[in-house]
Amino acid sequence: MARALSRRSSHQEPALANSVFDPCTAASRTASFLLPAVPAAVREGRRRVRTTLLGWGLGLDEDSSWSLTVVCGELLVRAVRRAAGGPAGRLAVGVDVEGDQLIVDVLE
């Protein structure tokens, strides 16, 4: 399982983990989808995560959106590589927002 977690903290230096999005005041949100465990799925996975979060109106700026795309791409590439050589399978991608936390899970 690959996971990215963002939590705002006043004592941390500015970093990718802190720049994913501004705190969300809306209720918790969850989305999930399946992708084939093949390299071509990485692009589709990045697009779907980004589209989902933009649809939730979290106030992503251009830099945060780009950072999110990079992190999701890395998670997906790693999952595809781990699945390589095995039977053709699927990746399960989950996106959760709770308060000021963003969690992206990629399970192979």
PDB file of N, CA and C in Angstrom:
ATOM      1  N   MET A   1       0.844  -1.172   0.000  1.00  0.00           N
ATOM      2  CA  MET A   1       0.000   0.000   0.000  1.00  0.00           C
ATOM      3  C   MET A   1       0.886   1.232   0.000  1.00  0.00           C
ATOM      4  N   ALA A   2       0.537   2.201  -0.796  1.00  0.00           N
ATOM      5  CA  ALA A   2       1.223   3.487  -0.804  1.00  0.00           C
ATOM      6  C   ALA A   2       0.249   4.519  -0.273  1.00  0.00           C
ATOM      7  N   ARG A   3       0.748   5.465   0.490  1.00  0.00           N
ATOM      8  CA  ARG A   3      -0.145   6.441   1.091  1.00  0.00           C
ATOM      9  C   ARG A   3       0.526   7.804   1.159  1.00  0.00           C
ATOM     10  N   ALA A   4      -0.236   8.841   0.865  1.00  0.00           N
ATOM     11  CA  ALA A   4       0.228  10.214   1.039  1.00  0.00           C
ATOM     12  C   ALA A   4      -0.712  10.882   2.021  1.00  0.00           C
ATOM     13  N   LEU A   5      -0.163  11.583   2.972  1.00  0.00           N
ATOM     14  CA  LEU A   5      -0.967  12.231   3.999  1.00  0.00           C
ATOM     15  C   LEU A   5      -0.494  13.655   4.156  1.00  0.00           C
ATOM     16  N   SER A   6      -1.404  14.573   4.174  1.00  0.00           N
ATOM     17  CA  SER A   6      -1.065  15.968   4.418  1.00  0.00           C
ATOM     18  C   SER A   6      -1.769  16.419   5.678  1.00  0.00           C
ATOM     19  N   ARG A   7      -1.019  16.995   6.583  1.00  0.00           N
ATOM     20  CA  ARG A   7      -1.598  17.567   7.790  1.00  0.00           C
ATOM     21  C   ARG A   7      -0.896  18.891   8.034  1.00  0.00           C
ATOM     22  N   ARG A   8      -1.650  19.935   8.170  1.00  0.00           N
ATOM     23  CA  ARG A   8      -1.054  21.238   8.455  1.00  0.00           C
ATOM     24  C   ARG A   8      -0.547  21.249   9.893  1.00  0.00           C
ATOM     25  N   SER A   9       0.610  21.833  10.064  1.00  0.00           N
ATOM     26  CA  SER A   9       1.188  21.960  11.394  1.00  0.00           C
ATOM     27  C   SER A   9       1.976  23.252  11.448  1.00  0.00           C
ATOM     28  N   SER A  10       1.776  24.043  12.480  1.00  0.00           N
ATOM     29  CA  SER A  10       2.444  25.330  12.576  1.00  0.00           C
ATOM     30  C   SER A  10       3.927  25.204  12.853  1.00  0.00           C
ATOM     31  N   HIS A  11       4.396  24.048  13.346  1.00  0.00           N
ATOM     32  CA  HIS A  11       5.808  23.903  13.670  1.00  0.00           C
ATOM     33  C   HIS A  11       6.626  23.258  12.562  1.00  0.00           C
ATOM     34  N   GLN A  12       6.027  22.928  11.429  1.00  0.00           N
ATOM     35  CA  GLN A  12       6.762  22.316  10.331  1.00  0.00           C
ATOM     36  C   GLN A  12       7.193  23.379   9.332  1.00  0.00           C
ATOM     37  N   GLU A  13       8.333  23.131   8.691  1.00  0.00           N
ATOM     38  CA  GLU A  13       8.796  23.986   7.609  1.00  0.00           C
ATOM     39  C   GLU A  13       7.863  23.802   6.414  1.00  0.00           C
ATOM     40  N   PRO A  14       7.717  24.828   5.582  1.00  0.00           N
ATOM     41  CA  PRO A  14       6.919  24.644   4.375  1.00  0.00           C
ATOM     42  C   PRO A  14       7.490  23.503   3.543  1.00  0.00           C
ATOM     43  N   ALA A  15       6.642  22.606   3.140  1.00  0.00           N
ATOM     44  CA  ALA A  15       7.071  21.443   2.369  1.00  0.00           C
ATOM     45  C   ALA A  15       5.901  20.953   1.546  1.00  0.00           C
ATOM     46  N   LEU A  16       6.179  20.005   0.679  1.00  0.00           N
ATOM     47  CA  LEU A  16       5.135  19.443  -0.167  1.00  0.00           C
ATOM     48  C   LEU A  16       3.960  18.954   0.664  1.00  0.00           C
ATOM     49  N   ALA A  17       4.238  18.278   1.775  1.00  0.00           N
ATOM     50  CA  ALA A  17       3.161  17.724   2.598  1.00  0.00           C
ATOM     51  C   ALA A  17       2.263  18.812   3.149  1.00  0.00           C
ATOM     52  N   ASN A  18       2.789  20.019   3.333  1.00  0.00           N
ATOM     53  CA  ASN A  18       1.991  21.102   3.886  1.00  0.00           C
ATOM     54  C   ASN A  18       1.343  21.975   2.825  1.00  0.00           C
ATOM     55  N   SER A  19       1.636  21.735   1.561  1.00  0.00           N
ATOM     56  CA  SER A  19       1.137  22.625   0.527  1.00  0.00           C
ATOM     57  C   SER A  19       0.044  22.004  -0.331  1.00  0.00           C
ATOM     58  N   VAL A  20      -0.461  20.854   0.062  1.00  0.00           N
ATOM     59  CA  VAL A  20      -1.419  20.164  -0.793  1.00  0.00           C
ATOM     60  C   VAL A  20      -2.724  20.936  -0.915  1.00  0.00           C
ATOM     61  N   PHE A  21      -3.274  21.449   0.177  1.00  0.00           N
ATOM     62  CA  PHE A  21      -4.475  22.255   0.078  1.00  0.00           C
ATOM     63  C   PHE A  21      -4.717  23.003   1.377  1.00  0.00           C
ATOM     64  N   ASP A  22      -5.544  24.030   1.278  1.00  0.00           N
ATOM     65  CA  ASP A  22      -5.928  24.769   2.471  1.00  0.00           C
ATOM     66  C   ASP A  22      -6.934  23.949   3.256  1.00  0.00           C
ATOM     67  N   PRO A  23      -7.057  24.201   4.569  1.00  0.00           N
ATOM     68  CA  PRO A  23      -8.008  23.419   5.369  1.00  0.00           C
ATOM     69  C   PRO A  23      -9.412  23.464   4.776  1.00  0.00           C
ATOM     70  N   CYS A  24     -10.042  22.353   4.797  1.00  0.00           N
ATOM     71  CA  CYS A  24     -11.388  22.200   4.252  1.00  0.00           C
ATOM     72  C   CYS A  24     -12.394  22.365   5.381  1.00  0.00           C
ATOM     73  N   THR A  25     -13.370  23.221   5.192  1.00  0.00           N
ATOM     74  CA  THR A  25     -14.381  23.411   6.226  1.00  0.00           C
ATOM     75  C   THR A  25     -15.604  22.537   5.989  1.00  0.00           C
ATOM     76  N   ALA A  26     -15.660  21.895   4.853  1.00  0.00           N
ATOM     77  CA  ALA A  26     -16.806  21.037   4.541  1.00  0.00           C
ATOM     78  C   ALA A  26     -16.696  19.719   5.297  1.00  0.00           C
ATOM     79  N   ALA A  27     -17.771  18.956   5.255  1.00  0.00           N
ATOM     80  CA  ALA A  27     -17.787  17.640   5.897  1.00  0.00           C
ATOM     81  C   ALA A  27     -16.779  16.717   5.223  1.00  0.00           C
ATOM     82  N   SER A  28     -16.507  15.613   5.875  1.00  0.00           N
ATOM     83  CA  SER A  28     -15.583  14.626   5.316  1.00  0.00           C
ATOM     84  C   SER A  28     -16.081  14.144   3.959  1.00  0.00           C
ATOM     85  N   ARG A  29     -15.129  13.853   3.089  1.00  0.00           N
ATOM     86  CA  ARG A  29     -15.472  13.376   1.755  1.00  0.00           C
ATOM     87  C   ARG A  29     -14.593  12.190   1.419  1.00  0.00           C
ATOM     88  N   THR A  30     -15.161  11.250   0.677  1.00  0.00           N
ATOM     89  CA  THR A  30     -14.443  10.040   0.293  1.00  0.00           C
ATOM     90  C   THR A  30     -14.809   9.674  -1.143  1.00  0.00           C
ATOM     91  N   ALA A  31     -13.808   9.244  -1.891  1.00  0.00           N
ATOM     92  CA  ALA A  31     -14.033   8.736  -3.248  1.00  0.00           C
ATOM     93  C   ALA A  31     -13.071   7.584  -3.472  1.00  0.00           C
ATOM     94  N   SER A  32     -13.454   6.661  -4.331  1.00  0.00           N
ATOM     95  CA  SER A  32     -12.555   5.556  -4.670  1.00  0.00           C
ATOM     96  C   SER A  32     -12.852   5.096  -6.089  1.00  0.00           C
ATOM     97  N   PHE A  33     -11.843   4.485  -6.699  1.00  0.00           N
ATOM     98  CA  PHE A  33     -12.009   3.947  -8.039  1.00  0.00           C
ATOM     99  C   PHE A  33     -10.952   2.885  -8.288  1.00  0.00           C
ATOM    100  N   LEU A  34     -11.199   2.047  -9.290  1.00  0.00           N
ATOM    101  CA  LEU A  34     -10.273   0.983  -9.680  1.00  0.00           C
ATOM    102  C   LEU A  34      -9.625   1.331 -11.013  1.00  0.00           C
ATOM    103  N   LEU A  35      -8.362   0.923 -11.142  1.00  0.00           N
ATOM    104  CA  LEU A  35      -7.618   1.092 -12.384  1.00  0.00           C
ATOM    105  C   LEU A  35      -6.886  -0.202 -12.688  1.00  0.00           C
ATOM    106  N   PRO A  36      -6.620  -0.490 -13.960  1.00  0.00           N
ATOM    107  CA  PRO A  36      -5.784  -1.652 -14.266  1.00  0.00           C
ATOM    108  C   PRO A  36      -4.354  -1.373 -13.800  1.00  0.00           C
ATOM    109  N   ALA A  37      -3.653  -2.388 -13.360  1.00  0.00           N
ATOM    110  CA  ALA A  37      -2.276  -2.231 -12.864  1.00  0.00           C
ATOM    111  C   ALA A  37      -1.299  -2.247 -14.035  1.00  0.00           C
ATOM    112  N   VAL A  38      -1.414  -1.240 -14.889  1.00  0.00           N
ATOM    113  CA  VAL A  38      -0.547  -1.095 -16.062  1.00  0.00           C
ATOM    114  C   VAL A  38      -0.043   0.348 -16.114  1.00  0.00           C
ATOM    115  N   PRO A  39       1.117   0.582 -16.729  1.00  0.00           N
ATOM    116  CA  PRO A  39       1.674   1.935 -16.766  1.00  0.00           C
ATOM    117  C   PRO A  39       0.728   3.004 -17.312  1.00  0.00           C
ATOM    118  N   ALA A  40      -0.075   2.661 -18.285  1.00  0.00           N
ATOM    119  CA  ALA A  40      -0.995   3.643 -18.866  1.00  0.00           C
ATOM    120  C   ALA A  40      -2.026   4.152 -17.857  1.00  0.00           C
ATOM    121  N   ALA A  41      -2.241   3.436 -16.778  1.00  0.00           N
ATOM    122  CA  ALA A  41      -3.234   3.829 -15.773  1.00  0.00           C
ATOM    123  C   ALA A  41      -2.756   4.988 -14.902  1.00  0.00           C
ATOM    124  N   VAL A  42      -1.456   5.245 -14.878  1.00  0.00           N
ATOM    125  CA  VAL A  42      -0.915   6.311 -14.026  1.00  0.00           C
ATOM    126  C   VAL A  42      -1.513   7.662 -14.413  1.00  0.00           C
ATOM    127  N   ARG A  43      -1.514   7.963 -15.682  1.00  0.00           N
ATOM    128  CA  ARG A  43      -2.061   9.242 -16.150  1.00  0.00           C
ATOM    129  C   ARG A  43      -3.539   9.380 -15.789  1.00  0.00           C
ATOM    130  N   GLU A  44      -4.302   8.323 -16.031  1.00  0.00           N
ATOM    131  CA  GLU A  44      -5.737   8.347 -15.712  1.00  0.00           C
ATOM    132  C   GLU A  44      -5.960   8.512 -14.212  1.00  0.00           C
ATOM    133  N   GLY A  45      -5.166   7.841 -13.394  1.00  0.00           N
ATOM    134  CA  GLY A  45      -5.302   7.960 -11.943  1.00  0.00           C
ATOM    135  C   GLY A  45      -5.034   9.368 -11.453  1.00  0.00           C
ATOM    136  N   ARG A  46      -3.976   9.984 -11.958  1.00  0.00           N
ATOM    137  CA  ARG A  46      -3.666  11.377 -11.584  1.00  0.00           C
ATOM    138  C   ARG A  46      -4.823  12.290 -11.960  1.00  0.00           C
ATOM    139  N   ARG A  47      -5.327  12.110 -13.159  1.00  0.00           N
ATOM    140  CA  ARG A  47      -6.426  12.955 -13.635  1.00  0.00           C
ATOM    141  C   ARG A  47      -7.663  12.798 -12.768  1.00  0.00           C
ATOM    142  N   ARG A  48      -7.992  11.556 -12.421  1.00  0.00           N
ATOM    143  CA  ARG A  48      -9.211  11.315 -11.638  1.00  0.00           C
ATOM    144  C   ARG A  48      -9.097  11.864 -10.222  1.00  0.00           C
ATOM    145  N   VAL A  49      -7.935  11.724  -9.588  1.00  0.00           N
ATOM    146  CA  VAL A  49      -7.755  12.283  -8.242  1.00  0.00           C
ATOM    147  C   VAL A  49      -7.877  13.801  -8.296  1.00  0.00           C
ATOM    148  N   ARG A  50      -7.188  14.419  -9.245  1.00  0.00           N
ATOM    149  CA  ARG A  50      -7.225  15.885  -9.364  1.00  0.00           C
ATOM    150  C   ARG A  50      -8.644  16.372  -9.648  1.00  0.00           C
ATOM    151  N   THR A  51      -9.334  15.727 -10.575  1.00  0.00           N
ATOM    152  CA  THR A  51     -10.704  16.109 -10.917  1.00  0.00           C
ATOM    153  C   THR A  51     -11.635  15.968  -9.717  1.00  0.00           C
ATOM    154  N   THR A  52     -11.469  14.892  -8.959  1.00  0.00           N
ATOM    155  CA  THR A  52     -12.289  14.672  -7.765  1.00  0.00           C
ATOM    156  C   THR A  52     -12.096  15.801  -6.765  1.00  0.00           C
ATOM    157  N   LEU A  53     -10.848  16.127  -6.463  1.00  0.00           N
ATOM    158  CA  LEU A  53     -10.574  17.171  -5.476  1.00  0.00           C
ATOM    159  C   LEU A  53     -11.026  18.542  -5.959  1.00  0.00           C
ATOM    160  N   LEU A  54     -10.821  18.848  -7.222  1.00  0.00           N
ATOM    161  CA  LEU A  54     -11.302  20.125  -7.756  1.00  0.00           C
ATOM    162  C   LEU A  54     -12.822  20.197  -7.683  1.00  0.00           C
ATOM    163  N   GLY A  55     -13.488  19.071  -7.934  1.00  0.00           N
ATOM    164  CA  GLY A  55     -14.942  19.017  -7.849  1.00  0.00           C
ATOM    165  C   GLY A  55     -15.469  19.248  -6.443  1.00  0.00           C
ATOM    166  N   TRP A  56     -14.660  18.901  -5.447  1.00  0.00           N
ATOM    167  CA  TRP A  56     -15.058  19.125  -4.060  1.00  0.00           C
ATOM    168  C   TRP A  56     -14.866  20.573  -3.632  1.00  0.00           C
ATOM    169  N   GLY A  57     -14.259  21.398  -4.453  1.00  0.00           N
ATOM    170  CA  GLY A  57     -14.104  22.816  -4.141  1.00  0.00           C
ATOM    171  C   GLY A  57     -13.217  23.085  -2.941  1.00  0.00           C
ATOM    172  N   LEU A  58     -12.066  22.441  -2.890  1.00  0.00           N
ATOM    173  CA  LEU A  58     -11.166  22.595  -1.748  1.00  0.00           C
ATOM    174  C   LEU A  58     -10.277  23.826  -1.839  1.00  0.00           C
ATOM    175  N   GLY A  59     -10.385  24.582  -2.886  1.00  0.00           N
ATOM    176  CA  GLY A  59      -9.587  25.789  -3.020  1.00  0.00           C
ATOM    177  C   GLY A  59      -8.143  25.527  -3.390  1.00  0.00           C
ATOM    178  N   LEU A  60      -7.897  24.506  -4.205  1.00  0.00           N
ATOM    179  CA  LEU A  60      -6.532  24.212  -4.640  1.00  0.00           C
ATOM    180  C   LEU A  60      -6.018  25.323  -5.547  1.00  0.00           C
ATOM    181  N   ASP A  61      -4.831  25.852  -5.235  1.00  0.00           N
ATOM    182  CA  ASP A  61      -4.207  26.784  -6.164  1.00  0.00           C
ATOM    183  C   ASP A  61      -3.398  25.977  -7.175  1.00  0.00           C
ATOM    184  N   GLU A  62      -2.830  26.646  -8.156  1.00  0.00           N
ATOM    185  CA  GLU A  62      -2.116  25.955  -9.235  1.00  0.00           C
ATOM    186  C   GLU A  62      -0.914  25.164  -8.716  1.00  0.00           C
ATOM    187  N   ASP A  63      -0.143  25.738  -7.779  1.00  0.00           N
ATOM    188  CA  ASP A  63       1.017  25.036  -7.215  1.00  0.00           C
ATOM    189  C   ASP A  63       0.597  23.793  -6.439  1.00  0.00           C
ATOM    190  N   SER A  64      -0.450  23.914  -5.645  1.00  0.00           N
ATOM    191  CA  SER A  64      -0.927  22.772  -4.863  1.00  0.00           C
ATOM    192  C   SER A  64      -1.462  21.676  -5.770  1.00  0.00           C
ATOM    193  N   SER A  65      -2.162  22.079  -6.806  1.00  0.00           N
ATOM    194  CA  SER A  65      -2.695  21.105  -7.753  1.00  0.00           C
ATOM    195  C   SER A  65      -1.560  20.352  -8.444  1.00  0.00           C
ATOM    196  N   TRP A  66      -0.510  21.066  -8.845  1.00  0.00           N
ATOM    197  CA  TRP A  66       0.646  20.427  -9.481  1.00  0.00           C
ATOM    198  C   TRP A  66       1.328  19.470  -8.508  1.00  0.00           C
ATOM    199  N   SER A  67       1.544  19.912  -7.257  1.00  0.00           N
ATOM    200  CA  SER A  67       2.184  19.060  -6.246  1.00  0.00           C
ATOM    201  C   SER A  67       1.377  17.792  -6.016  1.00  0.00           C
ATOM    202  N   LEU A  68       0.079  17.937  -5.935  1.00  0.00           N
ATOM    203  CA  LEU A  68      -0.799  16.787  -5.743  1.00  0.00           C
ATOM    204  C   LEU A  68      -0.678  15.811  -6.907  1.00  0.00           C
ATOM    205  N   THR A  69      -0.622  16.334  -8.116  1.00  0.00           N
ATOM    206  CA  THR A  69      -0.485  15.487  -9.295  1.00  0.00           C
ATOM    207  C   THR A  69       0.820  14.700  -9.255  1.00  0.00           C
ATOM    208  N   VAL A  70       1.903  15.343  -8.844  1.00  0.00           N
ATOM    209  CA  VAL A  70       3.204  14.673  -8.750  1.00  0.00           C
ATOM    210  C   VAL A  70       3.165  13.558  -7.707  1.00  0.00           C
ATOM    211  N   VAL A  71       2.633  13.848  -6.525  1.00  0.00           N
ATOM    212  CA  VAL A  71       2.570  12.847  -5.452  1.00  0.00           C
ATOM    213  C   VAL A  71       1.709  11.658  -5.876  1.00  0.00           C
ATOM    214  N   CYS A  72       0.545  11.922  -6.435  1.00  0.00           N
ATOM    215  CA  CYS A  72      -0.330  10.826  -6.881  1.00  0.00           C
ATOM    216  C   CYS A  72       0.343  10.000  -7.970  1.00  0.00           C
ATOM    217  N   GLY A  73       1.030  10.666  -8.878  1.00  0.00           N
ATOM    218  CA  GLY A  73       1.745   9.950  -9.926  1.00  0.00           C
ATOM    219  C   GLY A  73       2.797   9.020  -9.352  1.00  0.00           C
ATOM    220  N   GLU A  74       3.548   9.487  -8.356  1.00  0.00           N
ATOM    221  CA  GLU A  74       4.569   8.652  -7.719  1.00  0.00           C
ATOM    222  C   GLU A  74       3.944   7.438  -7.030  1.00  0.00           C
ATOM    223  N   LEU A  75       2.844   7.657  -6.324  1.00  0.00           N
ATOM    224  CA  LEU A  75       2.166   6.537  -5.661  1.00  0.00           C
ATOM    225  C   LEU A  75       1.700   5.504  -6.684  1.00  0.00           C
ATOM    226  N   LEU A  76       1.127   5.979  -7.767  1.00  0.00           N
ATOM    227  CA  LEU A  76       0.623   5.070  -8.799  1.00  0.00           C
ATOM    228  C   LEU A  76       1.755   4.330  -9.508  1.00  0.00           C
ATOM    229  N   VAL A  77       2.842   5.021  -9.830  1.00  0.00           N
ATOM    230  CA  VAL A  77       3.982   4.369 -10.486  1.00  0.00           C
ATOM    231  C   VAL A  77       4.540   3.268  -9.597  1.00  0.00           C
ATOM    232  N   ARG A  78       4.692   3.553  -8.326  1.00  0.00           N
ATOM    233  CA  ARG A  78       5.213   2.539  -7.396  1.00  0.00           C
ATOM    234  C   ARG A  78       4.292   1.330  -7.318  1.00  0.00           C
ATOM    235  N   ALA A  79       2.992   1.578  -7.270  1.00  0.00           N
ATOM    236  CA  ALA A  79       2.042   0.462  -7.199  1.00  0.00           C
ATOM    237  C   ALA A  79       2.080  -0.371  -8.479  1.00  0.00           C
ATOM    238  N   VAL A  80       2.182   0.280  -9.635  1.00  0.00           N
ATOM    239  CA  VAL A  80       2.256  -0.450 -10.906  1.00  0.00           C
ATOM    240  C   VAL A  80       3.527  -1.285 -10.943  1.00  0.00           C
ATOM    241  N   ARG A  81       4.645  -0.717 -10.509  1.00  0.00           N
ATOM    242  CA  ARG A  81       5.909  -1.468 -10.495  1.00  0.00           C
ATOM    243  C   ARG A  81       5.829  -2.683  -9.580  1.00  0.00           C
ATOM    244  N   ARG A  82       5.203  -2.512  -8.426  1.00  0.00           N
ATOM    245  CA  ARG A  82       5.077  -3.634  -7.487  1.00  0.00           C
ATOM    246  C   ARG A  82       4.184  -4.728  -8.054  1.00  0.00           C
ATOM    247  N   ALA A  83       3.213  -4.340  -8.848  1.00  0.00           N
ATOM    248  CA  ALA A  83       2.291  -5.319  -9.429  1.00  0.00           C
ATOM    249  C   ALA A  83       2.882  -5.995 -10.666  1.00  0.00           C
ATOM    250  N   ALA A  84       3.962  -5.441 -11.225  1.00  0.00           N
ATOM    251  CA  ALA A  84       4.572  -5.993 -12.443  1.00  0.00           C
ATOM    252  C   ALA A  84       5.059  -7.414 -12.199  1.00  0.00           C
ATOM    253  N   GLY A  85       4.881  -8.248 -13.183  1.00  0.00           N
ATOM    254  CA  GLY A  85       5.335  -9.629 -13.081  1.00  0.00           C
ATOM    255  C   GLY A  85       4.295 -10.562 -12.496  1.00  0.00           C
ATOM    256  N   GLY A  86       3.306  -9.998 -11.840  1.00  0.00           N
ATOM    257  CA  GLY A  86       2.237 -10.812 -11.274  1.00  0.00           C
ATOM    258  C   GLY A  86       1.091 -10.905 -12.262  1.00  0.00           C
ATOM    259  N   PRO A  87       0.036 -11.581 -11.860  1.00  0.00           N
ATOM    260  CA  PRO A  87      -1.128 -11.651 -12.738  1.00  0.00           C
ATOM    261  C   PRO A  87      -1.692 -10.244 -12.952  1.00  0.00           C
ATOM    262  N   ALA A  88      -2.227 -10.009 -14.129  1.00  0.00           N
ATOM    263  CA  ALA A  88      -2.799  -8.692 -14.415  1.00  0.00           C
ATOM    264  C   ALA A  88      -3.854  -8.379 -13.371  1.00  0.00           C
ATOM    265  N   GLY A  89      -3.646  -7.323 -12.652  1.00  0.00           N
ATOM    266  CA  GLY A  89      -4.553  -6.986 -11.570  1.00  0.00           C
ATOM    267  C   GLY A  89      -5.062  -5.570 -11.682  1.00  0.00           C
ATOM    268  N   ARG A  90      -5.564  -5.112 -10.566  1.00  0.00           N
ATOM    269  CA  ARG A  90      -6.127  -3.770 -10.499  1.00  0.00           C
ATOM    270  C   ARG A  90      -5.506  -3.011  -9.341  1.00  0.00           C
ATOM    271  N   LEU A  91      -5.560  -1.684  -9.466  1.00  0.00           N
ATOM    272  CA  LEU A  91      -5.166  -0.795  -8.389  1.00  0.00           C
ATOM    273  C   LEU A  91      -6.441  -0.182  -7.821  1.00  0.00           C
ATOM    274  N   ALA A  92      -6.541  -0.155  -6.515  1.00  0.00           N
ATOM    275  CA  ALA A  92      -7.653   0.520  -5.853  1.00  0.00           C
ATOM    276  C   ALA A  92      -7.125   1.850  -5.336  1.00  0.00           C
ATOM    277  N   VAL A  93      -7.750   2.933  -5.762  1.00  0.00           N
ATOM    278  CA  VAL A  93      -7.328   4.274  -5.366  1.00  0.00           C
ATOM    279  C   VAL A  93      -8.424   4.873  -4.499  1.00  0.00           C
ATOM    280  N   GLY A  94      -8.038   5.368  -3.332  1.00  0.00           N
ATOM    281  CA  GLY A  94      -8.978   6.013  -2.428  1.00  0.00           C
ATOM    282  C   GLY A  94      -8.522   7.424  -2.112  1.00  0.00           C
ATOM    283  N   VAL A  95      -9.462   8.351  -2.066  1.00  0.00           N
ATOM    284  CA  VAL A  95      -9.179   9.744  -1.731  1.00  0.00           C
ATOM    285  C   VAL A  95     -10.111  10.122  -0.592  1.00  0.00           C
ATOM    286  N   ASP A  96      -9.535  10.573   0.505  1.00  0.00           N
ATOM    287  CA  ASP A  96     -10.321  10.964   1.675  1.00  0.00           C
ATOM    288  C   ASP A  96      -9.895  12.347   2.139  1.00  0.00           C
ATOM    289  N   VAL A  97     -10.867  13.185   2.476  1.00  0.00           N
ATOM    290  CA  VAL A  97     -10.608  14.489   3.074  1.00  0.00           C
ATOM    291  C   VAL A  97     -11.382  14.550   4.372  1.00  0.00           C
ATOM    292  N   GLU A  98     -10.664  14.824   5.447  1.00  0.00           N
ATOM    293  CA  GLU A  98     -11.283  15.019   6.757  1.00  0.00           C
ATOM    294  C   GLU A  98     -10.641  16.239   7.386  1.00  0.00           C
ATOM    295  N   GLY A  99     -11.403  17.317   7.500  1.00  0.00           N
ATOM    296  CA  GLY A  99     -10.845  18.540   8.062  1.00  0.00           C
ATOM    297  C   GLY A  99      -9.695  19.033   7.219  1.00  0.00           C
ATOM    298  N   ASP A 100      -8.505  19.137   7.826  1.00  0.00           N
ATOM    299  CA  ASP A 100      -7.343  19.626   7.084  1.00  0.00           C
ATOM    300  C   ASP A 100      -6.429  18.501   6.629  1.00  0.00           C
ATOM    301  N   GLN A 101      -6.949  17.277   6.564  1.00  0.00           N
ATOM    302  CA  GLN A 101      -6.153  16.131   6.129  1.00  0.00           C
ATOM    303  C   GLN A 101      -6.627  15.625   4.772  1.00  0.00           C
ATOM    304  N   LEU A 102      -5.650  15.326   3.935  1.00  0.00           N
ATOM    305  CA  LEU A 102      -5.908  14.687   2.650  1.00  0.00           C
ATOM    306  C   LEU A 102      -5.165  13.368   2.660  1.00  0.00           C
ATOM    307  N   ILE A 103      -5.879  12.281   2.403  1.00  0.00           N
ATOM    308  CA  ILE A 103      -5.262  10.956   2.368  1.00  0.00           C
ATOM    309  C   ILE A 103      -5.541  10.347   1.003  1.00  0.00           C
ATOM    310  N   VAL A 104      -4.474   9.934   0.329  1.00  0.00           N
ATOM    311  CA  VAL A 104      -4.594   9.228  -0.943  1.00  0.00           C
ATOM    312  C   VAL A 104      -3.973   7.860  -0.744  1.00  0.00           C
ATOM    313  N   ASP A 105      -4.770   6.816  -0.893  1.00  0.00           N
ATOM    314  CA  ASP A 105      -4.295   5.433  -0.783  1.00  0.00           C
ATOM    315  C   ASP A 105      -4.286   4.801  -2.161  1.00  0.00           C
ATOM    316  N   VAL A 106      -3.233   4.046  -2.446  1.00  0.00           N
ATOM    317  CA  VAL A 106      -3.171   3.253  -3.670  1.00  0.00           C
ATOM    318  C   VAL A 106      -2.818   1.838  -3.254  1.00  0.00           C
ATOM    319  N   LEU A 107      -3.742   0.916  -3.473  1.00  0.00           N
ATOM    320  CA  LEU A 107      -3.536  -0.486  -3.104  1.00  0.00           C
ATOM    321  C   LEU A 107      -3.399  -1.322  -4.357  1.00  0.00           C
ATOM    322  N   GLU A 108      -2.373  -2.191  -4.383  1.00  0.00           N
ATOM    323  CA  GLU A 108      -2.226  -3.061  -5.541  1.00  0.00           C
ATOM    324  C   GLU A 108      -2.734  -4.439  -5.208  1.00  0.00           C
TER     325      GLU A 108
END
